[in-house]
Amino acid sequence: MKYDCTNEFDLALIYKKLTAQSTTQMVKACNFFEQEDMLTKFQKKMARALAIAKQ
């Protein structure tokens, strides 16, 4: 039995998307660099937990 995939993919739509003009997206560098990495967050949480445990 042969699978009929003509209803699954719209080739005209796919071709339209592939040949469309691409748009660039700008990302602010300051937003990227303001984020803390997971290690820094972990170290801050552990320092707080240690300070609470010492009290």
PDB file of N, CA and C in Angstrom:
ATOM      1  N   MET A   1       0.839  -1.174   0.000  1.00  0.00           N
ATOM      2  CA  MET A   1       0.000   0.000   0.000  1.00  0.00           C
ATOM      3  C   MET A   1       0.890   1.245   0.000  1.00  0.00           C
ATOM      4  N   LYS A   2       0.657   2.138  -0.900  1.00  0.00           N
ATOM      5  CA  LYS A   2       1.468   3.350  -1.028  1.00  0.00           C
ATOM      6  C   LYS A   2       0.836   4.485  -0.221  1.00  0.00           C
ATOM      7  N   TYR A   3       1.665   5.206   0.527  1.00  0.00           N
ATOM      8  CA  TYR A   3       1.179   6.311   1.352  1.00  0.00           C
ATOM      9  C   TYR A   3       0.993   7.550   0.486  1.00  0.00           C
ATOM     10  N   ASP A   4      -0.159   8.180   0.606  1.00  0.00           N
ATOM     11  CA  ASP A   4      -0.465   9.391  -0.166  1.00  0.00           C
ATOM     12  C   ASP A   4      -0.245  10.595   0.739  1.00  0.00           C
ATOM     13  N   CYS A   5       0.807  11.353   0.480  1.00  0.00           N
ATOM     14  CA  CYS A   5       1.133  12.501   1.323  1.00  0.00           C
ATOM     15  C   CYS A   5       0.785  13.828   0.656  1.00  0.00           C
ATOM     16  N   THR A   6      -0.060  13.831  -0.350  1.00  0.00           N
ATOM     17  CA  THR A   6      -0.398  15.072  -1.050  1.00  0.00           C
ATOM     18  C   THR A   6      -1.178  16.024  -0.166  1.00  0.00           C
ATOM     19  N   ASN A   7      -1.921  15.515   0.799  1.00  0.00           N
ATOM     20  CA  ASN A   7      -2.693  16.382   1.689  1.00  0.00           C
ATOM     21  C   ASN A   7      -1.877  16.858   2.886  1.00  0.00           C
ATOM     22  N   GLU A   8      -0.728  16.256   3.113  1.00  0.00           N
ATOM     23  CA  GLU A   8       0.059  16.581   4.297  1.00  0.00           C
ATOM     24  C   GLU A   8       0.919  17.831   4.116  1.00  0.00           C
ATOM     25  N   PHE A   9       1.475  18.049   2.936  1.00  0.00           N
ATOM     26  CA  PHE A   9       2.370  19.177   2.692  1.00  0.00           C
ATOM     27  C   PHE A   9       1.827  20.049   1.570  1.00  0.00           C
ATOM     28  N   ASP A  10       1.820  21.358   1.806  1.00  0.00           N
ATOM     29  CA  ASP A  10       1.425  22.307   0.770  1.00  0.00           C
ATOM     30  C   ASP A  10       2.716  22.832   0.133  1.00  0.00           C
ATOM     31  N   LEU A  11       3.097  22.274  -0.996  1.00  0.00           N
ATOM     32  CA  LEU A  11       4.372  22.628  -1.626  1.00  0.00           C
ATOM     33  C   LEU A  11       4.419  24.080  -2.053  1.00  0.00           C
ATOM     34  N   ALA A  12       3.288  24.657  -2.447  1.00  0.00           N
ATOM     35  CA  ALA A  12       3.260  26.063  -2.833  1.00  0.00           C
ATOM     36  C   ALA A  12       3.596  26.954  -1.642  1.00  0.00           C
ATOM     37  N   LEU A  13       3.059  26.614  -0.466  1.00  0.00           N
ATOM     38  CA  LEU A  13       3.341  27.387   0.743  1.00  0.00           C
ATOM     39  C   LEU A  13       4.802  27.235   1.163  1.00  0.00           C
ATOM     40  N   ILE A  14       5.321  26.042   1.076  1.00  0.00           N
ATOM     41  CA  ILE A  14       6.728  25.797   1.427  1.00  0.00           C
ATOM     42  C   ILE A  14       7.645  26.573   0.497  1.00  0.00           C
ATOM     43  N   TYR A  15       7.369  26.550  -0.796  1.00  0.00           N
ATOM     44  CA  TYR A  15       8.184  27.282  -1.765  1.00  0.00           C
ATOM     45  C   TYR A  15       8.111  28.786  -1.518  1.00  0.00           C
ATOM     46  N   LYS A  16       6.931  29.277  -1.169  1.00  0.00           N
ATOM     47  CA  LYS A  16       6.744  30.708  -0.884  1.00  0.00           C
ATOM     48  C   LYS A  16       7.600  31.132   0.313  1.00  0.00           C
ATOM     49  N   LYS A  17       7.616  30.302   1.354  1.00  0.00           N
ATOM     50  CA  LYS A  17       8.415  30.618   2.542  1.00  0.00           C
ATOM     51  C   LYS A  17       9.911  30.562   2.239  1.00  0.00           C
ATOM     52  N   LEU A  18      10.316  29.617   1.414  1.00  0.00           N
ATOM     53  CA  LEU A  18      11.741  29.482   1.098  1.00  0.00           C
ATOM     54  C   LEU A  18      12.260  30.629   0.231  1.00  0.00           C
ATOM     55  N   THR A  19      11.404  31.181  -0.608  1.00  0.00           N
ATOM     56  CA  THR A  19      11.840  32.230  -1.525  1.00  0.00           C
ATOM     57  C   THR A  19      11.494  33.632  -1.033  1.00  0.00           C
ATOM     58  N   ALA A  20      10.889  33.767   0.146  1.00  0.00           N
ATOM     59  CA  ALA A  20      10.505  35.069   0.684  1.00  0.00           C
ATOM     60  C   ALA A  20      11.735  35.831   1.164  1.00  0.00           C
ATOM     61  N   GLN A  21      11.603  37.137   1.217  1.00  0.00           N
ATOM     62  CA  GLN A  21      12.676  37.994   1.729  1.00  0.00           C
ATOM     63  C   GLN A  21      12.869  37.706   3.214  1.00  0.00           C
ATOM     64  N   SER A  22      14.084  37.584   3.637  1.00  0.00           N
ATOM     65  CA  SER A  22      14.341  37.331   5.046  1.00  0.00           C
ATOM     66  C   SER A  22      14.408  38.656   5.794  1.00  0.00           C
ATOM     67  N   THR A  23      13.934  38.642   7.023  1.00  0.00           N
ATOM     68  CA  THR A  23      13.977  39.835   7.859  1.00  0.00           C
ATOM     69  C   THR A  23      14.978  39.592   8.980  1.00  0.00           C
ATOM     70  N   THR A  24      15.761  40.592   9.266  1.00  0.00           N
ATOM     71  CA  THR A  24      16.751  40.464  10.338  1.00  0.00           C
ATOM     72  C   THR A  24      16.111  40.842  11.660  1.00  0.00           C
ATOM     73  N   GLN A  25      16.571  40.216  12.698  1.00  0.00           N
ATOM     74  CA  GLN A  25      16.089  40.516  14.036  1.00  0.00           C
ATOM     75  C   GLN A  25      17.258  41.022  14.856  1.00  0.00           C
ATOM     76  N   MET A  26      17.033  42.104  15.551  1.00  0.00           N
ATOM     77  CA  MET A  26      18.075  42.689  16.382  1.00  0.00           C
ATOM     78  C   MET A  26      17.859  42.262  17.834  1.00  0.00           C
ATOM     79  N   VAL A  27      18.938  41.907  18.495  1.00  0.00           N
ATOM     80  CA  VAL A  27      18.898  41.535  19.899  1.00  0.00           C
ATOM     81  C   VAL A  27      19.838  42.469  20.635  1.00  0.00           C
ATOM     82  N   LYS A  28      19.325  43.085  21.686  1.00  0.00           N
ATOM     83  CA  LYS A  28      20.164  43.998  22.456  1.00  0.00           C
ATOM     84  C   LYS A  28      21.225  43.211  23.215  1.00  0.00           C
ATOM     85  N   ALA A  29      22.453  43.592  23.063  1.00  0.00           N
ATOM     86  CA  ALA A  29      23.537  42.902  23.758  1.00  0.00           C
ATOM     87  C   ALA A  29      23.449  43.109  25.258  1.00  0.00           C
ATOM     88  N   CYS A  30      22.988  44.279  25.688  1.00  0.00           N
ATOM     89  CA  CYS A  30      22.928  44.551  27.120  1.00  0.00           C
ATOM     90  C   CYS A  30      21.963  43.590  27.821  1.00  0.00           C
ATOM     91  N   ASN A  31      20.856  43.222  27.182  1.00  0.00           N
ATOM     92  CA  ASN A  31      19.933  42.268  27.792  1.00  0.00           C
ATOM     93  C   ASN A  31      20.580  40.897  27.932  1.00  0.00           C
ATOM     94  N   PHE A  32      21.389  40.536  26.963  1.00  0.00           N
ATOM     95  CA  PHE A  32      22.060  39.236  27.014  1.00  0.00           C
ATOM     96  C   PHE A  32      23.077  39.202  28.140  1.00  0.00           C
ATOM     97  N   PHE A  33      23.861  40.248  28.278  1.00  0.00           N
ATOM     98  CA  PHE A  33      24.929  40.239  29.264  1.00  0.00           C
ATOM     99  C   PHE A  33      24.453  40.514  30.678  1.00  0.00           C
ATOM    100  N   GLU A  34      23.238  41.032  30.835  1.00  0.00           N
ATOM    101  CA  GLU A  34      22.711  41.279  32.172  1.00  0.00           C
ATOM    102  C   GLU A  34      22.283  39.989  32.856  1.00  0.00           C
ATOM    103  N   GLN A  35      22.010  38.965  32.091  1.00  0.00           N
ATOM    104  CA  GLN A  35      21.550  37.709  32.669  1.00  0.00           C
ATOM    105  C   GLN A  35      22.667  37.036  33.452  1.00  0.00           C
ATOM    106  N   GLU A  36      22.300  36.511  34.603  1.00  0.00           N
ATOM    107  CA  GLU A  36      23.276  35.776  35.399  1.00  0.00           C
ATOM    108  C   GLU A  36      23.324  34.326  34.941  1.00  0.00           C
ATOM    109  N   ASP A  37      24.487  33.774  34.967  1.00  0.00           N
ATOM    110  CA  ASP A  37      24.588  32.365  34.595  1.00  0.00           C
ATOM    111  C   ASP A  37      24.143  31.499  35.776  1.00  0.00           C
ATOM    112  N   MET A  38      23.914  30.249  35.512  1.00  0.00           N
ATOM    113  CA  MET A  38      23.383  29.335  36.522  1.00  0.00           C
ATOM    114  C   MET A  38      24.343  29.160  37.699  1.00  0.00           C
ATOM    115  N   LEU A  39      25.647  29.180  37.443  1.00  0.00           N
ATOM    116  CA  LEU A  39      26.617  29.009  38.524  1.00  0.00           C
ATOM    117  C   LEU A  39      26.544  30.180  39.506  1.00  0.00           C
ATOM    118  N   THR A  40      26.455  31.401  38.991  1.00  0.00           N
ATOM    119  CA  THR A  40      26.372  32.575  39.861  1.00  0.00           C
ATOM    120  C   THR A  40      25.102  32.537  40.700  1.00  0.00           C
ATOM    121  N   LYS A  41      23.978  32.165  40.093  1.00  0.00           N
ATOM    122  CA  LYS A  41      22.725  32.060  40.837  1.00  0.00           C
ATOM    123  C   LYS A  41      22.834  31.013  41.938  1.00  0.00           C
ATOM    124  N   PHE A  42      23.436  29.878  41.610  1.00  0.00           N
ATOM    125  CA  PHE A  42      23.601  28.809  42.593  1.00  0.00           C
ATOM    126  C   PHE A  42      24.484  29.268  43.747  1.00  0.00           C
ATOM    127  N   GLN A  43      25.588  29.949  43.428  1.00  0.00           N
ATOM    128  CA  GLN A  43      26.502  30.406  44.474  1.00  0.00           C
ATOM    129  C   GLN A  43      25.824  31.412  45.395  1.00  0.00           C
ATOM    130  N   LYS A  44      25.000  32.294  44.850  1.00  0.00           N
ATOM    131  CA  LYS A  44      24.290  33.274  45.680  1.00  0.00           C
ATOM    132  C   LYS A  44      23.279  32.575  46.595  1.00  0.00           C
ATOM    133  N   LYS A  45      22.564  31.591  46.064  1.00  0.00           N
ATOM    134  CA  LYS A  45      21.591  30.862  46.881  1.00  0.00           C
ATOM    135  C   LYS A  45      22.284  30.092  47.998  1.00  0.00           C
ATOM    136  N   MET A  46      23.415  29.487  47.684  1.00  0.00           N
ATOM    137  CA  MET A  46      24.142  28.733  48.706  1.00  0.00           C
ATOM    138  C   MET A  46      24.701  29.663  49.779  1.00  0.00           C
ATOM    139  N   ALA A  47      25.153  30.854  49.380  1.00  0.00           N
ATOM    140  CA  ALA A  47      25.664  31.814  50.360  1.00  0.00           C
ATOM    141  C   ALA A  47      24.543  32.264  51.292  1.00  0.00           C
ATOM    142  N   ARG A  48      23.348  32.501  50.733  1.00  0.00           N
ATOM    143  CA  ARG A  48      22.194  32.894  51.562  1.00  0.00           C
ATOM    144  C   ARG A  48      21.822  31.764  52.511  1.00  0.00           C
ATOM    145  N   ALA A  49      21.801  30.526  52.002  1.00  0.00           N
ATOM    146  CA  ALA A  49      21.448  29.389  52.852  1.00  0.00           C
ATOM    147  C   ALA A  49      22.473  29.194  53.966  1.00  0.00           C
ATOM    148  N   LEU A  50      23.733  29.392  53.669  1.00  0.00           N
ATOM    149  CA  LEU A  50      24.773  29.261  54.679  1.00  0.00           C
ATOM    150  C   LEU A  50      24.650  30.363  55.728  1.00  0.00           C
ATOM    151  N   ALA A  51      24.313  31.589  55.302  1.00  0.00           N
ATOM    152  CA  ALA A  51      24.140  32.689  56.238  1.00  0.00           C
ATOM    153  C   ALA A  51      22.960  32.426  57.158  1.00  0.00           C
ATOM    154  N   ILE A  52      21.895  31.863  56.636  1.00  0.00           N
ATOM    155  CA  ILE A  52      20.731  31.553  57.444  1.00  0.00           C
ATOM    156  C   ILE A  52      21.044  30.423  58.423  1.00  0.00           C
ATOM    157  N   ALA A  53      21.807  29.440  57.957  1.00  0.00           N
ATOM    158  CA  ALA A  53      22.149  28.301  58.809  1.00  0.00           C
ATOM    159  C   ALA A  53      23.068  28.709  59.965  1.00  0.00           C
ATOM    160  N   LYS A  54      23.901  29.719  59.772  1.00  0.00           N
ATOM    161  CA  LYS A  54      24.814  30.159  60.826  1.00  0.00           C
ATOM    162  C   LYS A  54      24.102  30.941  61.918  1.00  0.00           C
ATOM    163  N   GLN A  55      22.911  31.467  61.624  1.00  0.00           N
ATOM    164  CA  GLN A  55      22.198  32.288  62.616  1.00  0.00           C
ATOM    165  C   GLN A  55      21.621  31.481  63.716  1.00  0.00           C
TER     166      GLN A  55
END
